[in-house]
Amino acid sequence: MTNKKNTFFTFCCSLVPGAGEMYMGLYKQGISLMLVFWGVGAIGGWAGLELLWAIIPVVWFYSFFHTHNLRSMSEEEFSSVEDKYLIYNDFDLDQADEALKRNKKVVAGALIFFGVCMVVQMGMNLVDPYFNGVLWEIAHRLNRNAVRIIVAVAAIWGGLHLLRGTKAETTEEGA
């Protein structure tokens, strides 16, 4: 694997987060950056958490300058660069099946909930012209913000779960 690629193509690929790393041969780093960049944008827009979009320029600039830094390295330095995922570096597909089995009810519940939300939202959009009133407006607003509410509750639940896990670990270590 060499880092002395075409300068023009390196520049063009560096404009898309992750593509420059993939062009240089670091596929795990590239796909990680692409997933973070596009995933944050999609989740932020879909869940109504536009605050997440503040991460997008950071990822873009990191990827852009990382690609040009890789290109400017000597052959020895570049060959010592390890291609690894940025997040979940120890991820193993064999363990993913076990994790899915352990959390099957949570995943199934989330899929069912989001499916029901989508169906209800489409149904409300279809019958919206025929109904008026305060109760309909409240139901419509709750339906529109259902995903944000669930994301907020899940974040709170996850934080509390982590805190309980931390407390349990510290009491086990102290005993």
N, C-alpha and C. Protein backbone atom coordinates (compact mmCIF):
# COMPACT_ATOMS: atom_id res chain seq x y z
N MET A 1 0.86 -1.18 0.00
CA MET A 1 0.00 0.00 0.00
C MET A 1 0.90 1.24 0.00
N THR A 2 0.62 2.12 -0.90
CA THR A 2 1.44 3.32 -1.03
C THR A 2 0.58 4.56 -0.83
N ASN A 3 1.21 5.60 -0.33
CA ASN A 3 0.47 6.84 -0.12
C ASN A 3 0.73 7.85 -1.23
N LYS A 4 1.54 7.51 -2.18
CA LYS A 4 1.84 8.43 -3.28
C LYS A 4 0.83 8.25 -4.41
N LYS A 5 -0.38 8.66 -4.12
CA LYS A 5 -1.46 8.56 -5.10
C LYS A 5 -1.52 9.86 -5.90
N ASN A 6 -2.34 9.88 -6.91
CA ASN A 6 -2.53 11.05 -7.75
C ASN A 6 -3.01 12.22 -6.89
N THR A 7 -2.32 13.35 -6.99
CA THR A 7 -2.63 14.52 -6.16
C THR A 7 -4.03 15.05 -6.42
N PHE A 8 -4.42 15.11 -7.68
CA PHE A 8 -5.75 15.63 -8.02
C PHE A 8 -6.85 14.74 -7.46
N PHE A 9 -6.71 13.41 -7.65
CA PHE A 9 -7.73 12.49 -7.14
C PHE A 9 -7.74 12.47 -5.62
N THR A 10 -6.58 12.62 -5.01
CA THR A 10 -6.53 12.70 -3.54
C THR A 10 -7.31 13.91 -3.06
N PHE A 11 -7.09 15.05 -3.72
CA PHE A 11 -7.83 16.26 -3.33
C PHE A 11 -9.33 16.07 -3.54
N CYS A 12 -9.72 15.54 -4.69
CA CYS A 12 -11.16 15.34 -4.96
C CYS A 12 -11.79 14.39 -3.94
N CYS A 13 -11.11 13.31 -3.63
CA CYS A 13 -11.64 12.35 -2.66
C CYS A 13 -11.66 12.93 -1.25
N SER A 14 -10.72 13.80 -0.94
CA SER A 14 -10.68 14.37 0.41
C SER A 14 -11.84 15.32 0.67
N LEU A 15 -12.53 15.73 -0.38
CA LEU A 15 -13.69 16.61 -0.20
C LEU A 15 -14.91 15.87 0.36
N VAL A 16 -14.92 14.56 0.23
CA VAL A 16 -16.01 13.73 0.79
C VAL A 16 -15.43 13.00 1.99
N PRO A 17 -15.98 13.23 3.19
CA PRO A 17 -15.42 12.59 4.39
C PRO A 17 -15.36 11.07 4.26
N GLY A 18 -14.17 10.54 4.45
CA GLY A 18 -13.95 9.11 4.39
C GLY A 18 -13.47 8.63 3.04
N ALA A 19 -13.83 9.30 1.97
CA ALA A 19 -13.43 8.86 0.64
C ALA A 19 -11.93 8.99 0.44
N GLY A 20 -11.32 10.02 0.99
CA GLY A 20 -9.88 10.19 0.87
C GLY A 20 -9.12 9.07 1.57
N GLU A 21 -9.58 8.70 2.76
CA GLU A 21 -8.95 7.60 3.48
C GLU A 21 -9.10 6.30 2.70
N MET A 22 -10.27 6.10 2.12
CA MET A 22 -10.50 4.88 1.34
C MET A 22 -9.64 4.88 0.08
N TYR A 23 -9.47 6.03 -0.55
CA TYR A 23 -8.61 6.13 -1.73
C TYR A 23 -7.16 5.81 -1.37
N MET A 24 -6.78 6.15 -0.15
CA MET A 24 -5.41 5.87 0.29
C MET A 24 -5.25 4.41 0.75
N GLY A 25 -6.35 3.66 0.81
CA GLY A 25 -6.28 2.25 1.18
C GLY A 25 -6.70 1.95 2.60
N LEU A 26 -7.11 2.96 3.34
CA LEU A 26 -7.53 2.77 4.73
C LEU A 26 -9.06 2.68 4.77
N TYR A 27 -9.56 1.52 4.42
CA TYR A 27 -11.01 1.35 4.23
C TYR A 27 -11.79 1.42 5.54
N LYS A 28 -11.25 0.86 6.60
CA LYS A 28 -11.97 0.89 7.89
C LYS A 28 -12.10 2.32 8.40
N GLN A 29 -11.03 3.10 8.31
CA GLN A 29 -11.10 4.50 8.73
C GLN A 29 -12.07 5.28 7.84
N GLY A 30 -12.02 5.01 6.55
CA GLY A 30 -12.88 5.72 5.61
C GLY A 30 -14.35 5.44 5.85
N ILE A 31 -14.70 4.17 6.01
CA ILE A 31 -16.11 3.84 6.22
C ILE A 31 -16.58 4.36 7.57
N SER A 32 -15.69 4.38 8.57
CA SER A 32 -16.06 4.94 9.88
C SER A 32 -16.39 6.42 9.76
N LEU A 33 -15.54 7.16 9.06
CA LEU A 33 -15.78 8.59 8.90
C LEU A 33 -17.04 8.86 8.08
N MET A 34 -17.26 8.06 7.05
CA MET A 34 -18.48 8.24 6.26
C MET A 34 -19.73 7.97 7.10
N LEU A 35 -19.69 6.90 7.89
CA LEU A 35 -20.85 6.58 8.73
C LEU A 35 -21.12 7.66 9.76
N VAL A 36 -20.06 8.19 10.36
CA VAL A 36 -20.26 9.26 11.34
C VAL A 36 -20.82 10.50 10.66
N PHE A 37 -20.22 10.90 9.55
CA PHE A 37 -20.64 12.12 8.85
C PHE A 37 -22.09 12.02 8.39
N TRP A 38 -22.40 11.00 7.61
CA TRP A 38 -23.75 10.88 7.06
C TRP A 38 -24.75 10.44 8.13
N GLY A 39 -24.31 9.61 9.08
CA GLY A 39 -25.20 9.15 10.14
C GLY A 39 -25.64 10.26 11.05
N VAL A 40 -24.71 11.13 11.44
CA VAL A 40 -25.07 12.26 12.30
C VAL A 40 -26.04 13.18 11.59
N GLY A 41 -25.80 13.43 10.31
CA GLY A 41 -26.72 14.27 9.55
C GLY A 41 -28.11 13.66 9.44
N ALA A 42 -28.16 12.37 9.16
CA ALA A 42 -29.45 11.70 9.01
C ALA A 42 -30.20 11.61 10.33
N ILE A 43 -29.51 11.21 11.38
CA ILE A 43 -30.17 11.08 12.69
C ILE A 43 -30.59 12.45 13.21
N GLY A 44 -29.74 13.44 13.02
CA GLY A 44 -30.09 14.80 13.46
C GLY A 44 -31.33 15.33 12.76
N GLY A 45 -31.43 15.09 11.47
CA GLY A 45 -32.59 15.56 10.72
C GLY A 45 -33.83 14.74 11.01
N TRP A 46 -33.67 13.43 11.10
CA TRP A 46 -34.82 12.56 11.29
C TRP A 46 -35.42 12.69 12.68
N ALA A 47 -34.55 12.77 13.69
CA ALA A 47 -35.02 12.85 15.07
C ALA A 47 -35.28 14.28 15.50
N GLY A 48 -35.00 15.24 14.64
CA GLY A 48 -35.23 16.64 15.00
C GLY A 48 -34.20 17.17 15.97
N LEU A 49 -33.01 16.58 15.97
CA LEU A 49 -31.93 17.02 16.86
C LEU A 49 -30.87 17.73 16.04
N GLU A 50 -31.22 18.89 15.54
CA GLU A 50 -30.32 19.63 14.66
C GLU A 50 -29.03 20.03 15.36
N LEU A 51 -29.01 19.99 16.68
CA LEU A 51 -27.79 20.31 17.43
C LEU A 51 -26.67 19.34 17.06
N LEU A 52 -27.01 18.12 16.69
CA LEU A 52 -26.00 17.14 16.28
C LEU A 52 -25.25 17.59 15.03
N TRP A 53 -25.88 18.44 14.23
CA TRP A 53 -25.25 18.88 12.99
C TRP A 53 -23.99 19.69 13.25
N ALA A 54 -23.76 20.12 14.47
CA ALA A 54 -22.52 20.83 14.80
C ALA A 54 -21.31 19.91 14.68
N ILE A 55 -21.53 18.61 14.73
CA ILE A 55 -20.44 17.64 14.62
C ILE A 55 -19.98 17.50 13.17
N ILE A 56 -20.86 17.76 12.22
CA ILE A 56 -20.56 17.53 10.80
C ILE A 56 -19.33 18.30 10.31
N PRO A 57 -19.19 19.61 10.58
CA PRO A 57 -17.98 20.30 10.09
C PRO A 57 -16.70 19.77 10.74
N VAL A 58 -16.79 19.34 11.98
CA VAL A 58 -15.61 18.79 12.66
C VAL A 58 -15.15 17.52 11.95
N VAL A 59 -16.10 16.64 11.64
CA VAL A 59 -15.77 15.40 10.93
C VAL A 59 -15.23 15.71 9.55
N TRP A 60 -15.83 16.67 8.85
CA TRP A 60 -15.38 17.02 7.51
C TRP A 60 -13.94 17.52 7.53
N PHE A 61 -13.65 18.48 8.42
CA PHE A 61 -12.29 19.03 8.48
C PHE A 61 -11.28 17.97 8.92
N TYR A 62 -11.67 17.12 9.88
CA TYR A 62 -10.77 16.05 10.31
C TYR A 62 -10.43 15.16 9.13
N SER A 63 -11.43 14.74 8.39
CA SER A 63 -11.20 13.85 7.26
C SER A 63 -10.36 14.52 6.17
N PHE A 64 -10.66 15.77 5.88
CA PHE A 64 -9.92 16.50 4.84
C PHE A 64 -8.44 16.58 5.19
N PHE A 65 -8.14 17.05 6.40
CA PHE A 65 -6.73 17.23 6.77
C PHE A 65 -6.05 15.89 7.06
N HIS A 66 -6.79 14.91 7.53
CA HIS A 66 -6.20 13.59 7.76
C HIS A 66 -5.75 12.97 6.44
N THR A 67 -6.56 13.12 5.40
CA THR A 67 -6.19 12.60 4.08
C THR A 67 -4.91 13.25 3.58
N HIS A 68 -4.82 14.57 3.70
CA HIS A 68 -3.62 15.26 3.21
C HIS A 68 -2.41 14.97 4.10
N ASN A 69 -2.64 14.73 5.37
CA ASN A 69 -1.56 14.33 6.26
C ASN A 69 -1.05 12.94 5.87
N LEU A 70 -1.96 12.03 5.55
CA LEU A 70 -1.54 10.70 5.11
C LEU A 70 -0.72 10.78 3.83
N ARG A 71 -1.13 11.64 2.92
CA ARG A 71 -0.43 11.76 1.64
C ARG A 71 0.97 12.33 1.82
N SER A 72 1.15 13.19 2.82
CA SER A 72 2.46 13.82 3.01
C SER A 72 3.42 12.98 3.84
N MET A 73 2.95 11.85 4.37
CA MET A 73 3.83 10.99 5.17
C MET A 73 4.86 10.30 4.28
N SER A 74 5.97 9.92 4.91
CA SER A 74 6.94 9.10 4.19
C SER A 74 6.38 7.68 4.06
N GLU A 75 6.98 6.89 3.18
CA GLU A 75 6.50 5.52 2.97
C GLU A 75 6.56 4.70 4.26
N GLU A 76 7.61 4.90 5.07
CA GLU A 76 7.76 4.15 6.32
C GLU A 76 6.66 4.53 7.32
N GLU A 77 6.41 5.84 7.44
CA GLU A 77 5.36 6.30 8.35
C GLU A 77 3.99 5.80 7.90
N PHE A 78 3.74 5.87 6.59
CA PHE A 78 2.44 5.46 6.08
C PHE A 78 2.22 3.96 6.26
N SER A 79 3.26 3.18 6.05
CA SER A 79 3.10 1.73 6.20
C SER A 79 2.87 1.33 7.66
N SER A 80 3.26 2.20 8.60
CA SER A 80 3.02 1.89 10.02
C SER A 80 1.64 2.32 10.49
N VAL A 81 0.89 3.04 9.66
CA VAL A 81 -0.46 3.46 10.03
C VAL A 81 -1.36 2.23 10.01
N GLU A 82 -2.05 2.02 11.13
CA GLU A 82 -2.94 0.86 11.25
C GLU A 82 -4.35 1.25 10.81
N ASP A 83 -4.91 0.46 9.93
CA ASP A 83 -6.28 0.70 9.47
C ASP A 83 -7.24 0.06 10.46
N LYS A 84 -7.90 0.91 11.26
CA LYS A 84 -8.83 0.39 12.26
C LYS A 84 -10.06 1.29 12.29
N TYR A 85 -11.15 0.72 12.79
CA TYR A 85 -12.39 1.49 12.91
C TYR A 85 -12.20 2.58 13.96
N LEU A 86 -12.82 3.73 13.75
CA LEU A 86 -12.70 4.82 14.71
C LEU A 86 -13.54 4.56 15.95
N ILE A 87 -14.68 3.89 15.76
CA ILE A 87 -15.58 3.57 16.86
C ILE A 87 -15.75 2.06 16.88
N TYR A 88 -15.85 1.48 18.05
CA TYR A 88 -15.98 0.02 18.20
C TYR A 88 -14.84 -0.68 17.49
N ASN A 89 -13.64 -0.36 17.88
CA ASN A 89 -12.47 -0.92 17.24
C ASN A 89 -12.38 -2.43 17.42
N ASP A 90 -12.89 -2.94 18.54
CA ASP A 90 -12.83 -4.37 18.81
C ASP A 90 -14.08 -5.09 18.31
N PHE A 91 -14.82 -4.48 17.40
CA PHE A 91 -16.07 -5.04 16.90
C PHE A 91 -15.79 -6.31 16.13
N ASP A 92 -16.58 -7.34 16.43
CA ASP A 92 -16.45 -8.63 15.76
C ASP A 92 -17.84 -9.04 15.29
N LEU A 93 -17.96 -9.43 14.04
CA LEU A 93 -19.27 -9.80 13.51
C LEU A 93 -19.84 -11.03 14.21
N ASP A 94 -18.99 -11.92 14.70
CA ASP A 94 -19.48 -13.09 15.43
C ASP A 94 -20.16 -12.66 16.72
N GLN A 95 -19.64 -11.63 17.37
CA GLN A 95 -20.23 -11.13 18.61
C GLN A 95 -21.48 -10.30 18.33
N ALA A 96 -21.61 -9.76 17.14
CA ALA A 96 -22.78 -8.95 16.81
C ALA A 96 -24.04 -9.79 16.84
N ASP A 97 -23.95 -11.04 16.40
CA ASP A 97 -25.10 -11.93 16.43
C ASP A 97 -25.54 -12.20 17.87
N GLU A 98 -24.57 -12.40 18.76
CA GLU A 98 -24.89 -12.62 20.18
C GLU A 98 -25.50 -11.37 20.80
N ALA A 99 -24.97 -10.21 20.48
CA ALA A 99 -25.51 -8.96 21.02
C ALA A 99 -26.94 -8.74 20.53
N LEU A 100 -27.21 -9.08 19.28
CA LEU A 100 -28.56 -8.93 18.76
C LEU A 100 -29.52 -9.89 19.46
N LYS A 101 -29.06 -11.11 19.74
CA LYS A 101 -29.91 -12.07 20.45
C LYS A 101 -30.20 -11.60 21.87
N ARG A 102 -29.20 -11.02 22.54
CA ARG A 102 -29.40 -10.52 23.91
C ARG A 102 -30.38 -9.36 23.93
N ASN A 103 -30.33 -8.52 22.92
CA ASN A 103 -31.16 -7.31 22.88
C ASN A 103 -32.29 -7.41 21.87
N LYS A 104 -32.73 -8.63 21.59
CA LYS A 104 -33.75 -8.84 20.57
C LYS A 104 -35.05 -8.10 20.90
N LYS A 105 -35.46 -8.12 22.16
CA LYS A 105 -36.71 -7.47 22.55
C LYS A 105 -36.62 -5.95 22.40
N VAL A 106 -35.48 -5.39 22.73
CA VAL A 106 -35.30 -3.94 22.61
C VAL A 106 -35.34 -3.53 21.13
N VAL A 107 -34.60 -4.26 20.30
CA VAL A 107 -34.57 -3.96 18.87
C VAL A 107 -35.96 -4.14 18.26
N ALA A 108 -36.64 -5.23 18.62
CA ALA A 108 -37.99 -5.48 18.10
C ALA A 108 -38.95 -4.38 18.54
N GLY A 109 -38.87 -3.99 19.80
CA GLY A 109 -39.74 -2.93 20.31
C GLY A 109 -39.50 -1.61 19.60
N ALA A 110 -38.23 -1.28 19.36
CA ALA A 110 -37.91 -0.03 18.66
C ALA A 110 -38.43 -0.06 17.23
N LEU A 111 -38.24 -1.19 16.54
CA LEU A 111 -38.73 -1.29 15.16
C LEU A 111 -40.25 -1.19 15.10
N ILE A 112 -40.93 -1.86 16.02
CA ILE A 112 -42.40 -1.80 16.05
C ILE A 112 -42.85 -0.38 16.36
N PHE A 113 -42.21 0.26 17.34
CA PHE A 113 -42.60 1.62 17.70
C PHE A 113 -42.45 2.58 16.53
N PHE A 114 -41.29 2.53 15.86
CA PHE A 114 -41.07 3.45 14.75
C PHE A 114 -42.01 3.14 13.58
N GLY A 115 -42.31 1.86 13.36
CA GLY A 115 -43.27 1.51 12.32
C GLY A 115 -44.66 2.04 12.63
N VAL A 116 -45.09 1.88 13.89
CA VAL A 116 -46.40 2.40 14.30
C VAL A 116 -46.43 3.92 14.17
N CYS A 117 -45.36 4.59 14.60
CA CYS A 117 -45.30 6.06 14.48
C CYS A 117 -45.45 6.49 13.02
N MET A 118 -44.78 5.79 12.12
CA MET A 118 -44.85 6.16 10.71
C MET A 118 -46.27 5.95 10.17
N VAL A 119 -46.90 4.82 10.53
CA VAL A 119 -48.26 4.54 10.06
C VAL A 119 -49.23 5.57 10.62
N VAL A 120 -49.12 5.87 11.92
CA VAL A 120 -50.01 6.86 12.54
C VAL A 120 -49.82 8.23 11.89
N GLN A 121 -48.57 8.59 11.66
CA GLN A 121 -48.30 9.89 11.04
C GLN A 121 -48.89 9.97 9.63
N MET A 122 -48.75 8.90 8.86
CA MET A 122 -49.34 8.90 7.52
C MET A 122 -50.86 8.95 7.60
N GLY A 123 -51.43 8.21 8.54
CA GLY A 123 -52.88 8.23 8.72
C GLY A 123 -53.39 9.60 9.13
N MET A 124 -52.67 10.24 10.05
CA MET A 124 -53.08 11.58 10.48
C MET A 124 -52.98 12.58 9.34
N ASN A 125 -51.98 12.44 8.50
CA ASN A 125 -51.86 13.33 7.35
C ASN A 125 -53.01 13.14 6.36
N LEU A 126 -53.49 11.89 6.24
CA LEU A 126 -54.59 11.62 5.33
C LEU A 126 -55.91 12.21 5.81
N VAL A 127 -56.18 12.11 7.13
CA VAL A 127 -57.47 12.57 7.64
C VAL A 127 -57.42 13.98 8.21
N ASP A 128 -56.26 14.60 8.18
CA ASP A 128 -56.08 15.94 8.75
C ASP A 128 -57.07 16.98 8.20
N PRO A 129 -57.33 17.00 6.90
CA PRO A 129 -58.25 18.04 6.39
C PRO A 129 -59.68 17.93 6.93
N TYR A 130 -60.05 16.77 7.44
CA TYR A 130 -61.43 16.56 7.87
C TYR A 130 -61.68 16.84 9.34
N PHE A 131 -60.62 17.05 10.13
CA PHE A 131 -60.79 17.25 11.56
C PHE A 131 -60.22 18.60 11.99
N ASN A 132 -60.84 19.19 12.98
CA ASN A 132 -60.38 20.43 13.58
C ASN A 132 -60.52 20.30 15.09
N GLY A 133 -59.96 21.23 15.81
CA GLY A 133 -60.16 21.25 17.24
C GLY A 133 -58.86 21.14 18.01
N VAL A 134 -58.98 21.41 19.30
CA VAL A 134 -57.82 21.43 20.19
C VAL A 134 -57.25 20.03 20.39
N LEU A 135 -58.12 19.04 20.61
CA LEU A 135 -57.62 17.68 20.83
C LEU A 135 -56.88 17.15 19.61
N TRP A 136 -57.39 17.43 18.44
CA TRP A 136 -56.70 17.00 17.22
C TRP A 136 -55.34 17.69 17.09
N GLU A 137 -55.28 18.95 17.45
CA GLU A 137 -54.01 19.68 17.38
C GLU A 137 -52.99 19.11 18.36
N ILE A 138 -53.45 18.78 19.57
CA ILE A 138 -52.55 18.17 20.57
C ILE A 138 -52.05 16.82 20.07
N ALA A 139 -52.96 15.99 19.55
CA ALA A 139 -52.56 14.68 19.04
C ALA A 139 -51.58 14.83 17.88
N HIS A 140 -51.82 15.80 17.02
CA HIS A 140 -50.94 16.02 15.87
C HIS A 140 -49.54 16.45 16.33
N ARG A 141 -49.49 17.32 17.31
CA ARG A 141 -48.18 17.78 17.82
C ARG A 141 -47.44 16.65 18.53
N LEU A 142 -48.14 15.86 19.32
CA LEU A 142 -47.50 14.72 19.98
C LEU A 142 -46.96 13.73 18.95
N ASN A 143 -47.75 13.48 17.93
CA ASN A 143 -47.32 12.56 16.89
C ASN A 143 -46.09 13.09 16.16
N ARG A 144 -46.07 14.38 15.89
CA ARG A 144 -44.95 14.99 15.18
C ARG A 144 -43.67 14.92 16.01
N ASN A 145 -43.79 14.98 17.33
CA ASN A 145 -42.62 14.99 18.20
C ASN A 145 -42.37 13.65 18.87
N ALA A 146 -43.05 12.59 18.45
CA ALA A 146 -42.90 11.29 19.11
C ALA A 146 -41.46 10.79 19.06
N VAL A 147 -40.82 10.92 17.93
CA VAL A 147 -39.45 10.43 17.81
C VAL A 147 -38.51 11.20 18.72
N ARG A 148 -38.67 12.51 18.79
CA ARG A 148 -37.83 13.32 19.68
C ARG A 148 -38.05 12.92 21.14
N ILE A 149 -39.30 12.67 21.50
CA ILE A 149 -39.61 12.27 22.87
C ILE A 149 -38.93 10.94 23.19
N ILE A 150 -39.03 9.98 22.28
CA ILE A 150 -38.43 8.67 22.50
C ILE A 150 -36.91 8.77 22.56
N VAL A 151 -36.31 9.56 21.70
CA VAL A 151 -34.85 9.73 21.74
C VAL A 151 -34.43 10.35 23.07
N ALA A 152 -35.17 11.34 23.55
CA ALA A 152 -34.85 11.97 24.83
C ALA A 152 -35.00 10.99 25.98
N VAL A 153 -36.09 10.22 25.99
CA VAL A 153 -36.29 9.23 27.06
C VAL A 153 -35.21 8.15 26.99
N ALA A 154 -34.85 7.71 25.79
CA ALA A 154 -33.80 6.71 25.64
C ALA A 154 -32.45 7.24 26.12
N ALA A 155 -32.15 8.51 25.85
CA ALA A 155 -30.90 9.10 26.32
C ALA A 155 -30.87 9.17 27.84
N ILE A 156 -31.98 9.56 28.44
CA ILE A 156 -32.05 9.61 29.91
C ILE A 156 -31.92 8.22 30.49
N TRP A 157 -32.64 7.26 29.91
CA TRP A 157 -32.57 5.88 30.39
C TRP A 157 -31.15 5.32 30.25
N GLY A 158 -30.50 5.59 29.11
CA GLY A 158 -29.13 5.13 28.90
C GLY A 158 -28.16 5.73 29.90
N GLY A 159 -28.31 7.02 30.19
CA GLY A 159 -27.45 7.66 31.18
C GLY A 159 -27.65 7.08 32.56
N LEU A 160 -28.91 6.86 32.95
CA LEU A 160 -29.19 6.25 34.25
C LEU A 160 -28.66 4.82 34.32
N HIS A 161 -28.79 4.09 33.23
CA HIS A 161 -28.28 2.72 33.17
C HIS A 161 -26.76 2.70 33.33
N LEU A 162 -26.08 3.64 32.68
CA LEU A 162 -24.62 3.72 32.83
C LEU A 162 -24.23 4.09 34.25
N LEU A 163 -24.96 5.01 34.86
CA LEU A 163 -24.66 5.39 36.25
C LEU A 163 -24.86 4.22 37.19
N ARG A 164 -25.95 3.47 37.03
CA ARG A 164 -26.18 2.30 37.87
C ARG A 164 -25.10 1.27 37.67
N GLY A 165 -24.66 1.08 36.43
CA GLY A 165 -23.58 0.14 36.15
C GLY A 165 -22.28 0.58 36.80
N THR A 166 -22.01 1.89 36.79
CA THR A 166 -20.81 2.43 37.42
C THR A 166 -20.86 2.25 38.93
N LYS A 167 -22.02 2.49 39.54
CA LYS A 167 -22.16 2.32 40.98
C LYS A 167 -21.98 0.86 41.37
N ALA A 168 -22.54 -0.05 40.58
CA ALA A 168 -22.41 -1.47 40.88
C ALA A 168 -20.96 -1.91 40.76
N GLU A 169 -20.23 -1.40 39.77
CA GLU A 169 -18.83 -1.76 39.60
C GLU A 169 -17.98 -1.23 40.76
N THR A 170 -18.27 -0.01 41.23
CA THR A 170 -17.48 0.55 42.33
C THR A 170 -17.76 -0.18 43.64
N THR A 171 -19.00 -0.62 43.87
CA THR A 171 -19.28 -1.37 45.10
C THR A 171 -18.66 -2.75 45.05
N GLU A 172 -18.58 -3.38 43.87
CA GLU A 172 -17.92 -4.67 43.74
C GLU A 172 -16.42 -4.53 43.97
N GLU A 173 -15.82 -3.45 43.47
CA GLU A 173 -14.39 -3.24 43.64
C GLU A 173 -14.05 -2.93 45.10
N GLY A 174 -14.95 -2.23 45.79
CA GLY A 174 -14.71 -1.85 47.18
C GLY A 174 -14.88 -3.03 48.12
N ALA A 175 -15.62 -4.06 47.74
CA ALA A 175 -15.89 -5.21 48.61
C ALA A 175 -14.74 -6.17 48.65
